[in-house]
Amino acid sequence: MQKIIVLDDNQDILEAVSLVLKRKPLAVVALRDPEELIENIPSHEPALLLMDIFLGKDDGRRICRDLKDNPLFDQLTVVLFSAQAYSPESVEASGADAILDKPFSVKALYNVIDQLAV
């Protein structure tokens, strides 16, 4: 069973996205704190990381860039999502594999996962 890590500082969104993902044959690891991410990636070996851009004091684009620049994590597929305005250039510079605008449909979420989580 493929694993997906979902990182969002908003508990309600985290629970909703996790619930939707669990409808598929996926194991979901839900995290609210970006500091937990690095310790969870190796232990869970996720097929995909689904992460909010705006994480309180942290920025998902920066975290994504740090992961992509690290040889231990550079192959991890990262999908960013956000309800706030962002520049497409900033997402491209982060190295993210895809972006979803909140609110996104369940179909859009499943499509991205089906395309990227191999």
Protein backbone atom coordinates (compact mmCIF):
# COMPACT_ATOMS: atom_id res chain seq x y z
CA MET A 1 0.00 0.00 0.00
CA GLN A 2 1.36 3.39 -0.98
CA LYS A 3 1.91 5.98 1.72
CA ILE A 4 1.21 9.68 1.49
CA ILE A 5 2.30 12.30 3.99
CA VAL A 6 -0.07 15.25 4.32
CA LEU A 7 1.32 18.36 6.00
CA ASP A 8 -1.01 21.22 6.91
CA ASP A 9 -1.08 23.41 10.02
CA ASN A 10 -4.89 23.63 9.86
CA GLN A 11 -6.28 20.61 11.75
CA ASP A 12 -9.68 20.71 9.98
CA ILE A 13 -8.13 20.67 6.51
CA LEU A 14 -5.65 18.01 7.56
CA GLU A 15 -8.45 15.75 8.80
CA ALA A 16 -10.64 16.36 5.73
CA VAL A 17 -7.85 15.65 3.24
CA SER A 18 -6.72 12.59 5.19
CA LEU A 19 -10.27 11.23 5.28
CA VAL A 20 -10.67 11.69 1.52
CA LEU A 21 -7.32 10.02 0.83
CA LYS A 22 -8.18 7.04 3.00
CA ARG A 23 -11.04 6.23 0.59
CA LYS A 24 -8.33 4.99 -1.76
CA PRO A 25 -5.94 2.15 -0.96
CA LEU A 26 -3.46 4.56 0.64
CA ALA A 27 -1.80 4.80 4.01
CA VAL A 28 -1.96 8.41 5.16
CA VAL A 29 0.41 10.04 7.63
CA ALA A 30 -1.04 13.37 8.79
CA LEU A 31 1.36 15.99 10.17
CA ARG A 32 0.72 19.50 11.47
CA ASP A 33 4.29 20.45 12.32
CA PRO A 34 6.87 20.88 9.53
CA GLU A 35 9.61 19.95 12.00
CA GLU A 36 8.21 16.39 12.13
CA LEU A 37 8.56 15.98 8.38
CA ILE A 38 12.24 15.07 8.08
CA GLU A 39 11.97 12.36 10.73
CA ASN A 40 8.82 10.90 9.12
CA ILE A 41 9.97 10.68 5.51
CA PRO A 42 12.61 7.95 6.01
CA SER A 43 10.50 5.91 8.43
CA HIS A 44 7.38 5.96 6.22
CA GLU A 45 8.96 6.07 2.74
CA PRO A 46 6.01 7.95 1.22
CA ALA A 47 5.17 7.85 -2.47
CA LEU A 48 4.07 11.48 -2.22
CA LEU A 49 4.09 14.51 0.07
CA LEU A 50 1.01 16.73 -0.06
CA MET A 51 1.86 20.02 1.67
CA ASP A 52 0.27 23.41 2.24
CA ILE A 53 2.32 26.38 1.06
CA PHE A 54 1.53 28.58 4.03
CA LEU A 55 2.36 26.73 7.25
CA GLY A 56 2.25 29.45 9.90
CA LYS A 57 5.85 30.59 10.27
CA ASP A 58 7.05 28.11 7.63
CA ASP A 59 6.74 28.18 3.86
CA GLY A 60 6.02 24.94 2.02
CA ARG A 61 7.89 26.21 -1.04
CA ARG A 62 11.07 26.60 0.99
CA ILE A 63 10.61 23.19 2.60
CA CYS A 64 10.05 21.67 -0.84
CA ARG A 65 13.21 23.32 -2.21
CA ASP A 66 15.20 22.06 0.79
CA LEU A 67 13.92 18.52 0.18
CA LYS A 68 14.65 18.65 -3.54
CA ASP A 69 18.19 19.94 -2.83
CA ASN A 70 18.88 17.08 -0.40
CA PRO A 71 20.09 13.86 -2.08
CA LEU A 72 18.26 11.81 0.56
CA PHE A 73 14.89 13.27 -0.41
CA ASP A 74 15.30 14.67 -3.93
CA GLN A 75 13.21 11.89 -5.53
CA LEU A 76 10.21 12.53 -3.27
CA THR A 77 7.17 13.68 -5.22
CA VAL A 78 5.81 16.90 -3.71
CA VAL A 79 2.39 18.43 -4.37
CA LEU A 80 1.80 21.87 -2.89
CA PHE A 81 -1.62 23.33 -2.21
CA SER A 82 -2.90 26.71 -1.08
CA ALA A 83 -5.98 28.85 -0.68
CA GLN A 84 -3.89 32.02 -0.72
CA ALA A 85 -2.33 33.87 -3.62
CA TYR A 86 1.09 32.70 -4.76
CA SER A 87 3.19 33.27 -7.84
CA PRO A 88 3.55 30.37 -10.27
CA GLU A 89 7.25 31.25 -10.47
CA SER A 90 7.69 30.65 -6.74
CA VAL A 91 6.13 27.20 -7.07
CA GLU A 92 8.33 26.38 -10.05
CA ALA A 93 11.42 27.56 -8.15
CA SER A 94 10.48 25.28 -5.25
CA GLY A 95 10.81 22.20 -7.45
CA ALA A 96 7.27 21.03 -6.59
CA ASP A 97 5.86 18.41 -8.92
CA ALA A 98 2.34 19.92 -8.90
CA ILE A 99 0.14 22.55 -7.27
CA LEU A 100 -3.51 22.41 -6.25
CA ASP A 101 -5.58 25.50 -5.48
CA LYS A 102 -7.84 25.20 -2.44
CA PRO A 103 -10.60 24.46 -2.41
CA PHE A 104 -9.85 21.56 -4.75
CA SER A 105 -12.23 18.81 -5.74
CA VAL A 106 -11.79 15.24 -4.65
CA LYS A 107 -11.47 14.34 -8.33
CA ALA A 108 -8.61 16.84 -8.82
CA LEU A 109 -6.82 15.45 -5.76
CA TYR A 110 -7.21 11.86 -6.93
CA ASN A 111 -6.06 12.78 -10.45
CA VAL A 112 -2.83 14.34 -9.16
CA ILE A 113 -2.14 11.36 -6.93
CA ASP A 114 -2.89 8.86 -9.71
CA GLN A 115 -0.55 10.74 -12.08
CA LEU A 116 2.34 11.28 -9.65
CA ALA A 117 2.36 8.58 -6.98
CA VAL A 118 4.03 5.68 -8.72
